[in-house]
Protein backbone atom coordinates (compact mmCIF):
# COMPACT_ATOMS: atom_id res chain seq x y z
CA MET A 1 110.60 99.27 62.97
CA ASN A 2 108.02 98.22 65.52
CA PHE A 3 109.08 100.38 68.49
CA ASN A 4 106.58 98.81 70.87
CA LYS A 5 107.86 95.35 70.11
CA VAL A 6 111.45 96.45 70.66
CA TYR A 7 110.46 98.13 73.91
CA GLU A 8 108.72 94.99 75.20
CA LYS A 9 111.80 92.96 74.32
CA GLU A 10 113.98 95.40 76.25
CA LEU A 11 111.70 95.18 79.28
CA SER A 12 111.84 91.40 79.21
CA PHE A 13 115.63 91.39 78.99
CA GLN A 14 115.95 93.83 81.90
CA ALA A 15 113.62 91.72 84.01
CA ASN A 16 115.72 88.64 83.29
CA ARG A 17 118.92 90.52 84.18
CA ARG A 18 117.46 91.64 87.49
CA LYS A 19 116.20 88.15 88.29
CA ALA A 20 119.67 86.79 87.54
CA SER A 21 121.13 89.47 89.83
CA VAL A 22 118.88 88.32 92.68
CA GLU A 23 120.06 84.75 92.14
CA PHE A 24 123.66 85.97 92.08
CA ILE A 25 123.19 87.90 95.35
CA ASN A 26 121.78 84.77 97.00
CA ILE A 27 124.78 82.69 95.90
CA VAL A 28 127.22 85.38 97.07
CA SER A 29 125.53 85.43 100.49
CA HIS A 30 125.42 81.65 100.75
CA LEU A 31 129.09 81.29 99.89
CA TRP A 32 130.10 83.95 102.40
CA TYR A 33 127.96 83.09 105.40
CA ASP A 34 128.01 79.30 105.01
CA LYS A 35 131.45 78.64 103.53
CA SER A 36 133.49 81.80 104.25
CA ILE A 37 134.11 82.21 100.51
CA GLU A 38 134.03 85.87 99.50
CA LEU A 39 133.33 86.82 95.89
CA VAL A 40 134.45 90.18 94.49
CA ILE A 41 134.36 91.60 90.98
CA PHE A 42 137.65 93.22 90.01
CA ARG A 43 138.29 93.91 93.71
CA ASN A 44 134.88 95.54 94.20
CA GLN A 45 132.99 94.03 97.10
CA LEU A 46 129.68 92.26 96.49
CA ILE A 47 128.41 91.55 99.99
CA ASN A 48 125.31 93.55 100.98
CA LEU A 49 124.87 95.10 97.51
CA ASN A 50 121.50 95.50 95.80
CA VAL A 51 120.48 94.53 92.26
CA SER A 52 121.34 97.90 90.71
CA ASP A 53 124.78 97.90 92.34
CA ILE A 54 125.48 94.43 90.95
CA LEU A 55 124.49 95.42 87.42
CA ASP A 56 126.52 98.64 87.60
CA LEU A 57 129.61 96.67 88.62
CA HIS A 58 129.16 94.35 85.66
CA GLU A 59 129.01 97.38 83.36
CA TYR A 60 132.28 98.63 84.90
CA ALA A 61 133.87 95.18 84.56
CA GLY A 62 133.02 95.02 80.87
CA GLU A 63 134.54 98.45 80.23
CA PHE A 64 137.61 97.57 82.29
CA VAL A 65 138.53 94.43 80.32
CA GLU A 66 137.04 95.75 77.05
CA LYS A 67 134.89 92.65 76.76
CA PRO A 68 131.25 92.16 77.85
CA ILE A 69 130.86 90.64 81.34
CA SER A 70 127.23 89.67 81.80
CA ILE A 71 125.37 88.82 84.98
CA PHE A 72 124.32 85.52 83.38
CA ASP A 73 127.98 84.54 83.00
CA SER A 74 128.66 85.45 86.62
CA VAL A 75 125.76 83.32 87.82
CA GLU A 76 127.14 80.36 85.84
CA ILE A 77 130.61 80.75 87.39
CA ALA A 78 129.19 81.37 90.88
CA LYS A 79 127.12 78.18 90.68
CA ALA A 80 130.24 76.25 89.70
CA ILE A 81 132.12 77.68 92.71
CA GLN A 82 129.18 76.76 94.91
CA GLY A 83 129.40 73.19 93.67
CA LEU A 84 133.03 72.78 94.72
CA ASN A 85 134.21 71.86 98.19
CA LEU A 86 136.55 74.83 98.62
CA PRO A 87 138.15 76.12 101.85
CA PRO A 88 137.64 79.76 102.94
CA ALA A 89 138.76 81.94 100.03
CA LYS A 90 138.47 85.30 98.31
CA LEU A 91 137.78 84.95 94.59
CA ASP A 92 137.49 87.55 91.84
CA ILE A 93 134.54 86.37 89.80
CA GLY A 94 135.11 89.18 87.30
CA LYS A 95 138.55 87.82 86.46
CA LEU A 96 137.24 84.23 86.39
CA THR A 97 134.36 85.13 84.07
CA TYR A 98 136.67 87.09 81.77
CA GLU A 99 139.13 84.20 81.56
CA TYR A 100 136.35 81.65 81.00
CA HIS A 101 135.19 83.44 77.87
CA LEU A 102 138.59 84.09 76.35
CA ASP A 103 139.02 82.72 72.86
CA GLY A 104 140.36 79.18 72.77
CA GLN A 105 139.02 78.19 76.20
CA PRO A 106 139.73 74.42 76.39
CA HIS A 107 137.29 73.55 79.20
CA ALA A 108 134.00 71.85 78.40
CA ASN A 109 131.92 73.77 80.93
CA ALA A 110 132.08 76.24 83.82
CA MET A 111 132.55 73.52 86.45
CA ALA A 112 135.56 72.07 84.66
CA PHE A 113 137.03 75.55 84.22
CA VAL A 114 136.59 76.59 87.86
CA SER A 115 137.88 73.24 89.14
CA ASP A 116 141.04 73.70 87.09
CA LYS A 117 141.59 77.36 87.96
CA LEU A 118 141.07 76.87 91.70
CA ARG A 119 142.79 73.51 92.06
CA ASP A 120 145.43 74.98 94.39
CA ALA A 121 142.82 76.19 96.87
CA LYS A 122 142.45 72.81 98.55
CA GLU A 123 146.15 72.78 99.43
CA THR A 124 145.97 75.93 101.57
CA GLU A 125 146.26 75.70 105.33
CA VAL A 126 143.24 76.33 107.53
CA VAL A 127 143.61 79.71 109.25
CA LYS A 128 143.17 80.23 112.98
CA PRO A 129 140.90 83.17 113.92
CA LYS A 130 142.59 86.15 115.58
CA ASP A 131 141.17 88.39 118.31
CA VAL A 132 141.37 92.12 117.54
CA VAL A 133 141.25 95.10 119.91
CA LEU A 134 140.81 98.65 118.65
CA TYR A 135 142.78 101.05 120.82
CA GLY A 136 140.95 104.29 120.08
CA PHE A 137 137.62 104.80 118.36
CA GLY A 138 137.96 107.82 116.09
CA ARG A 139 137.43 108.12 112.32
CA ILE A 140 139.67 105.22 111.31
CA GLY A 141 138.81 103.10 114.34
CA ARG A 142 135.08 103.23 113.62
CA LEU A 143 135.51 102.49 109.92
CA VAL A 144 137.74 99.52 110.70
CA ALA A 145 135.11 98.34 113.20
CA ARG A 146 132.40 98.65 110.55
CA GLU A 147 134.32 96.59 108.04
CA LEU A 148 135.39 93.95 110.53
CA MET A 149 131.83 93.48 111.75
CA THR A 150 130.23 93.61 108.30
CA ARG A 151 132.58 90.91 107.03
CA THR A 152 132.85 88.74 110.11
CA GLY A 153 130.88 85.96 108.44
CA LYS A 154 131.56 82.79 110.44
CA GLY A 155 134.39 84.50 112.30
CA ASN A 156 137.19 82.56 110.62
CA GLN A 157 139.55 85.54 110.30
CA LEU A 158 139.63 88.70 112.42
CA ARG A 159 137.30 88.89 115.41
CA LEU A 160 136.69 92.33 116.91
CA ARG A 161 136.50 91.66 120.64
CA ALA A 162 137.03 95.04 122.33
CA VAL A 163 137.51 98.77 121.96
CA VAL A 164 139.66 100.80 124.37
CA THR A 165 138.90 104.45 125.11
CA ARG A 166 139.68 106.91 127.88
CA GLY A 167 137.12 108.05 130.44
CA LYS A 168 134.26 106.28 132.11
CA VAL A 169 131.98 103.95 130.18
CA ASP A 170 128.41 104.56 131.30
CA ARG A 171 125.08 104.34 129.50
CA MET A 172 125.37 107.79 127.92
CA VAL A 173 128.88 107.07 126.61
CA LEU A 174 127.80 103.69 125.22
CA GLU A 175 124.84 105.30 123.45
CA LYS A 176 127.06 108.00 121.94
CA ARG A 177 129.66 105.46 120.79
CA ALA A 178 126.90 103.32 119.29
CA SER A 179 125.39 106.31 117.51
CA LEU A 180 128.74 107.38 116.01
CA LEU A 181 129.27 103.84 114.75
CA LYS A 182 125.76 103.54 113.35
CA SER A 183 125.57 106.93 111.61
CA ASP A 184 128.29 108.74 109.71
CA SER A 185 127.91 112.05 107.87
CA VAL A 186 130.38 111.01 105.17
CA HIS A 187 129.96 107.25 104.81
CA GLY A 188 126.25 106.92 105.62
CA SER A 189 124.56 104.39 107.86
CA PHE A 190 126.22 101.19 109.01
CA SER A 191 124.65 98.22 107.23
CA GLY A 192 124.07 96.31 110.43
CA THR A 193 122.67 96.57 113.93
CA VAL A 194 124.24 98.38 116.87
CA GLY A 195 122.94 98.14 120.43
CA ILE A 196 124.36 98.52 123.93
CA ASP A 197 124.80 96.25 126.96
CA GLU A 198 125.09 98.65 129.90
CA LYS A 199 125.56 95.90 132.48
CA ASN A 200 128.64 94.50 130.70
CA SER A 201 129.88 97.85 129.30
CA ALA A 202 129.69 96.61 125.74
CA LEU A 203 128.36 97.37 122.29
CA ILE A 204 126.28 94.66 120.63
CA ILE A 205 127.18 94.84 116.95
CA ASN A 206 125.32 92.52 114.60
CA GLY A 207 124.37 90.47 117.64
CA THR A 208 127.94 89.96 118.92
CA THR A 209 129.55 91.50 122.01
CA VAL A 210 132.33 94.06 121.67
CA HIS A 211 133.59 95.15 125.09
CA MET A 212 134.19 98.86 125.73
CA ILE A 213 137.25 99.07 127.99
CA SER A 214 138.24 102.26 129.78
CA ALA A 215 141.98 102.77 130.28
CA ASN A 216 144.43 105.66 130.53
CA GLN A 217 147.45 103.59 129.53
CA PRO A 218 148.01 100.19 127.88
CA GLU A 219 149.77 98.68 130.88
CA ASP A 220 146.58 98.88 132.94
CA ILE A 221 144.62 96.44 130.78
CA ASP A 222 144.16 92.72 131.26
CA TYR A 223 142.44 91.54 128.08
CA THR A 224 142.28 87.96 129.32
CA LYS A 225 139.52 89.02 131.74
CA PHE A 226 137.34 89.36 128.66
CA GLY A 227 138.37 86.03 127.16
CA ILE A 228 140.76 87.74 124.76
CA LYS A 229 144.06 86.01 124.03
CA ASP A 230 147.04 86.70 121.74
CA ALA A 231 145.23 89.74 120.37
CA LEU A 232 146.26 92.11 117.63
CA ILE A 233 146.04 95.64 119.04
CA ILE A 234 145.20 98.20 116.35
CA ASP A 235 146.23 101.59 117.75
CA ASN A 236 144.15 104.38 116.20
CA THR A 237 144.94 107.09 118.75
CA GLY A 238 148.12 108.50 117.24
CA ALA A 239 149.35 109.02 120.81
CA PHE A 240 152.05 106.36 120.51
CA ARG A 241 154.29 106.69 117.45
CA ASP A 242 157.70 105.12 118.23
CA LYS A 243 158.84 101.62 119.11
CA GLU A 244 159.24 102.29 122.83
CA ALA A 245 155.77 103.79 123.22
CA LEU A 246 154.06 101.17 121.07
CA SER A 247 155.81 98.38 122.99
CA ARG A 248 153.72 99.37 126.01
CA HIS A 249 150.78 97.58 124.35
CA LEU A 250 152.71 94.31 124.51
CA SER A 251 152.88 94.52 128.29
CA SER A 252 149.09 94.14 128.44
CA LYS A 253 147.92 90.63 129.29
CA GLY A 254 146.40 89.02 126.21
CA ALA A 255 148.16 91.26 123.65
CA ALA A 256 150.52 89.73 121.08
CA LYS A 257 150.95 92.15 118.14
CA VAL A 258 150.55 95.87 117.52
CA LEU A 259 149.47 97.73 114.37
CA LEU A 260 149.68 101.53 114.30
CA THR A 261 147.33 103.38 111.93
CA ALA A 262 149.76 106.25 111.35
CA PRO A 263 153.39 106.66 110.28
CA GLY A 264 155.69 105.15 112.92
CA LYS A 265 159.27 105.68 114.04
CA GLU A 266 161.73 102.83 114.55
CA VAL A 267 159.10 100.34 113.39
CA PRO A 268 158.39 98.94 109.90
CA ASN A 269 156.19 101.30 107.86
CA ILE A 270 154.15 99.04 105.61
CA VAL A 271 152.14 99.68 102.47
CA HIS A 272 150.32 96.41 101.99
CA GLY A 273 150.94 95.01 98.53
CA VAL A 274 154.29 96.77 98.24
CA ASN A 275 156.58 95.80 101.13
CA HIS A 276 154.56 93.77 103.64
CA LYS A 277 156.35 90.51 102.79
CA GLU A 278 159.69 92.00 103.90
CA TYR A 279 158.57 91.68 107.53
CA HIS A 280 157.28 88.32 108.76
CA PRO A 281 154.75 88.33 111.61
CA ASP A 282 156.64 85.50 113.32
CA THR A 283 159.63 87.77 113.84
CA THR A 284 158.05 91.25 113.97
CA ASN A 285 155.65 92.34 116.70
CA ILE A 286 155.00 96.00 115.89
CA PHE A 287 153.91 97.34 112.50
CA SER A 288 152.86 100.72 111.12
CA ALA A 289 150.36 101.07 108.28
CA ALA A 290 151.97 104.41 107.27
CA SER A 291 149.62 107.20 106.14
CA CYS A 292 146.64 107.40 103.80
CA THR A 293 148.63 109.44 101.27
CA THR A 294 151.62 107.08 101.40
CA ASN A 295 149.27 104.16 100.74
CA ALA A 296 147.75 106.05 97.80
CA ILE A 297 150.94 106.96 95.97
CA THR A 298 153.36 104.12 96.77
CA PRO A 299 151.60 101.37 94.74
CA VAL A 300 151.41 103.69 91.71
CA LEU A 301 155.04 104.74 92.11
CA LYS A 302 156.08 101.09 92.29
CA ALA A 303 154.23 100.31 89.04
CA ILE A 304 155.90 103.27 87.29
CA GLN A 305 159.35 102.53 88.76
CA ASP A 306 159.22 98.86 87.74
CA SER A 307 158.34 99.73 84.12
CA LEU A 308 159.82 103.14 83.39
CA GLY A 309 162.14 104.06 86.24
CA VAL A 310 161.85 107.40 88.05
CA THR A 311 164.65 109.99 88.13
CA HIS A 312 162.91 112.44 90.48
CA GLY A 313 159.52 113.97 91.05
CA HIS A 314 157.15 116.10 93.10
CA LEU A 315 154.01 115.13 95.00
CA GLU A 316 151.23 117.63 95.62
CA THR A 317 148.33 116.25 97.61
CA ILE A 318 144.96 118.00 97.59
CA HIS A 319 143.68 116.65 100.88
CA ALA A 320 140.33 116.80 102.65
CA TYR A 321 140.42 118.74 105.89
CA THR A 322 140.99 116.70 109.05
CA ASN A 323 139.89 117.02 112.66
CA ASP A 324 143.20 118.52 113.76
CA GLN A 325 142.26 121.72 111.88
CA ASN A 326 140.08 124.43 113.39
CA LEU A 327 136.42 124.90 112.46
CA VAL A 328 136.89 128.67 112.89
CA ASP A 329 140.04 130.76 113.06
CA ASN A 330 141.93 130.02 116.25
CA MET A 331 145.37 129.20 117.64
CA HIS A 332 147.09 126.13 116.19
CA SER A 333 150.59 124.75 116.72
CA LYS A 334 151.22 124.56 112.97
CA TYR A 335 151.25 127.39 110.45
CA ARG A 336 147.99 128.05 108.52
CA ARG A 337 146.09 125.13 110.07
CA GLY A 338 144.55 127.54 112.55
CA ARG A 339 142.36 129.05 109.83
CA ALA A 340 138.78 127.84 109.33
CA ALA A 341 139.01 124.43 107.61
CA ALA A 342 135.67 124.57 105.78
CA LEU A 343 136.30 128.04 104.35
CA ASN A 344 139.90 127.94 103.16
CA MET A 345 142.40 126.11 101.05
CA VAL A 346 145.33 125.66 103.41
CA ILE A 347 148.90 124.98 102.33
CA THR A 348 150.62 122.66 104.79
CA GLU A 349 153.34 120.04 104.85
CA THR A 350 153.15 116.30 104.21
CA GLY A 351 155.77 113.70 104.95
CA ALA A 352 154.39 111.31 102.34
CA GLY A 353 157.10 112.07 99.80
CA GLN A 354 159.84 111.01 102.24
CA ALA A 355 157.73 108.18 103.70
CA VAL A 356 157.58 106.43 100.32
CA ALA A 357 161.28 105.60 100.70
CA LYS A 358 160.50 103.53 103.81
CA ALA A 359 158.48 101.17 101.63
CA LEU A 360 160.47 101.68 98.42
CA PRO A 361 164.10 102.59 99.24
CA VAL A 362 164.79 103.33 95.56
CA PHE A 363 162.89 106.62 96.07
CA GLU A 364 165.23 107.89 98.79
CA GLY A 365 165.83 111.58 98.06
CA LYS A 366 163.87 111.50 94.79
CA LEU A 367 160.56 113.09 95.83
CA THR A 368 159.63 116.50 97.16
CA SER A 369 156.14 116.99 98.54
CA ASN A 370 153.60 119.45 99.82
CA ALA A 371 149.92 119.44 100.70
CA ILE A 372 146.87 121.64 100.34
CA ARG A 373 143.95 121.01 102.69
CA VAL A 374 140.67 121.89 100.97
CA PRO A 375 137.07 122.41 102.19
CA VAL A 376 135.75 118.86 101.71
CA PRO A 377 135.31 116.42 104.64
CA ASN A 378 136.70 113.37 102.81
CA GLY A 379 138.13 112.35 99.45
CA SER A 380 141.61 113.48 98.38
CA LEU A 381 143.77 113.74 95.27
CA ALA A 382 147.51 113.15 94.87
CA ILE A 383 149.24 114.69 91.86
CA LEU A 384 152.53 113.02 90.91
CA ASN A 385 154.83 114.97 88.59
CA LEU A 386 157.55 112.51 87.62
CA GLU A 387 160.59 112.54 85.36
CA VAL A 388 161.03 109.00 84.09
CA GLU A 389 164.14 107.23 82.82
CA LYS A 390 162.57 105.60 79.76
CA LYS A 391 160.68 107.56 77.13
CA THR A 392 156.99 106.78 77.05
CA ASN A 393 153.61 108.06 75.88
CA LEU A 394 150.09 108.36 77.23
CA LYS A 395 148.88 105.06 75.79
CA LYS A 396 151.81 103.13 77.29
CA VAL A 397 151.39 104.70 80.73
CA ASN A 398 147.68 103.93 80.85
CA HIS A 399 148.31 100.39 79.65
CA LEU A 400 150.88 99.62 82.32
CA MET A 401 148.60 101.05 85.02
CA LYS A 402 145.66 99.00 83.75
CA GLN A 403 147.82 95.87 83.85
CA ALA A 404 148.87 96.67 87.41
CA ALA A 405 145.19 97.00 88.36
CA LEU A 406 144.26 93.77 86.55
CA GLN A 407 146.97 91.35 87.63
CA GLY A 408 149.99 91.06 89.88
CA GLU A 409 150.77 92.14 93.44
CA LEU A 410 148.95 95.49 93.33
CA VAL A 411 145.44 94.51 92.24
CA GLU A 412 143.95 95.31 95.67
CA GLN A 413 145.76 98.64 95.80
CA ILE A 414 145.14 100.21 92.38
CA GLN A 415 141.72 100.84 90.87
CA TYR A 416 141.71 101.96 87.25
CA SER A 417 139.13 104.65 86.46
CA MET A 418 137.88 105.34 82.95
CA ASP A 419 135.24 107.86 84.05
CA ASN A 420 135.54 111.21 82.29
CA GLU A 421 133.25 112.81 84.88
CA LEU A 422 135.07 111.56 87.98
CA VAL A 423 135.03 113.96 90.97
CA SER A 424 135.96 113.60 94.63
CA THR A 425 132.57 112.44 95.93
CA ASP A 426 132.58 109.58 93.41
CA ILE A 427 135.50 107.86 95.12
CA ILE A 428 133.98 107.90 98.61
CA GLY A 429 133.63 104.28 99.73
CA SER A 430 136.31 102.86 97.43
CA SER A 431 138.24 100.04 99.11
CA ALA A 432 141.33 100.62 96.94
CA PRO A 433 143.80 103.11 98.45
CA ALA A 434 144.62 104.47 94.96
CA ILE A 435 142.18 105.28 92.15
CA TYR A 436 144.15 105.98 88.99
CA ASP A 437 142.43 108.63 86.82
CA SER A 438 143.36 107.46 83.32
CA ASN A 439 141.64 110.39 81.61
CA ALA A 440 143.64 112.99 83.55
CA THR A 441 147.12 111.58 82.86
CA ILE A 442 149.53 113.88 81.02
CA VAL A 443 152.75 112.86 79.24
CA SER A 444 155.11 115.50 77.82
CA ALA A 445 155.94 115.60 74.13
CA ASN A 446 159.46 114.32 74.77
CA GLY A 447 158.06 111.33 76.70
CA LYS A 448 160.18 112.00 79.79
CA ASN A 449 157.71 113.83 82.05
CA VAL A 450 154.60 112.09 83.39
CA ILE A 451 151.86 113.68 85.50
CA LEU A 452 149.51 111.28 87.27
CA TYR A 453 146.31 112.02 89.18
CA ILE A 454 145.57 109.58 91.99
CA TRP A 455 142.30 109.87 93.90
CA TYR A 456 141.86 108.27 97.29
CA ASP A 457 139.27 108.00 100.02
CA ASN A 458 141.64 109.01 102.79
CA GLU A 459 139.42 107.29 105.37
CA TYR A 460 137.76 104.26 103.80
CA GLY A 461 140.49 103.22 101.36
CA TYR A 462 143.13 103.57 104.07
CA SER A 463 140.99 101.55 106.53
CA HIS A 464 140.94 98.69 104.04
CA GLN A 465 144.73 98.80 103.79
CA VAL A 466 144.85 98.60 107.59
CA ILE A 467 142.62 95.52 107.50
CA ARG A 468 144.67 93.88 104.74
CA LEU A 469 147.82 94.41 106.78
CA ALA A 470 146.04 93.19 109.93
CA LYS A 471 145.14 89.93 108.17
CA TYR A 472 148.76 89.47 107.13
CA ILE A 473 150.04 90.12 110.67
CA ALA A 474 147.41 87.78 112.15
CA LYS A 475 148.17 85.14 109.49
CA VAL A 476 144.51 84.80 108.55
CA ARG A 477 144.83 85.58 104.84
CA ARG A 478 142.72 83.10 102.89
CA TYR A 479 143.39 81.59 99.50
CA THR A 480 142.84 84.31 96.91
CA TYR A 481 142.30 84.31 93.16
CA TYR A 482 142.75 87.71 91.54
């Protein structure tokens, strides 16, 4: 064998792959910024990725569907999409490419295939952009702001117009808010620009104005003074949890809907993808996005319940420490949480087991739950120990979870991992609220006991669920092909 010749051939192939990736990135950007068409690959985002990221995602896609998915195929499909006159949409090019190369494909070329697959897109209604106000600017608020501003595009969906915080808004405060948005110790730097406008008390994010409004209570605010109308208020403070308190937002001029980023009382607790369609935004004004853990386990529990049935079970969540815990030992209103968060594993309670029943009533009284806070700043793990009604085995469980991640109502919620080396830092930045660890699953010999390991970025994955629900409430969901 001529090793040098083989090596030169490999170099040439890699160069061609990288050139194709650059072309693909250009098409992705053109479709998004000029046509408001967002391409993803098996729910993984493609906007603002580099060449290596694109190639890595294609490797994952090929493993996921057990069939090669090449960058050259994706370019061919992307060009076909570019050639169509489609309305704003979100399209999974991984799924399209996979389907295009299935055996027995009847279409003559990529254009004919894409035209056929996306023929319903032209019948969708044009969405009306919705103003958004973030009430509170903590961990979730800033991540939601990042995502909204990164994916604003032409502004055809959600438009972040203002952020409400307590206390005065002067130059120092603006600079600190801008710095916290720009730099994050867990999630890295914001892939955009952040400046301040002291005169107008605003942040300038990616060249657009986001007003910083100071208020001690919702009733004091007149959003219309800032040109904001019929806004969706996303409450990230956790200060208002029940219907009466959250209704105070609706007394603000310019506010129309409210979304709480925490479990709520007397209001619908929604896990997007599971029960959001049970509450229509025309008849419901206040929504809760439940908790990060509830969003992680509920989609998986639904997939298992629908296929196998669940008799009862226990949830144990291994959760990153949160800012309500102490850095060093000190007084705390709850047991054990007063001990130093970065030095201890801390047993505490979680309401996620009971909260599941709000989205899936069939689980009422079926789940017990507990939590252990551990010394990591982000990235958590839910362990579900379930007794199922139908006998099963490991292969069947993994297959049904892969199908749930590949097609159906839960494709945005469940990511299927095949990585034998998966650890908590690997899931940081995942937009899915639940990452199913297929290599960790255990099924008892009698086929009646199933133990599932569900990873989740308790900040980033949850923030994406908040945004998905926000789009539903605002009625700005585009045509999608998953």
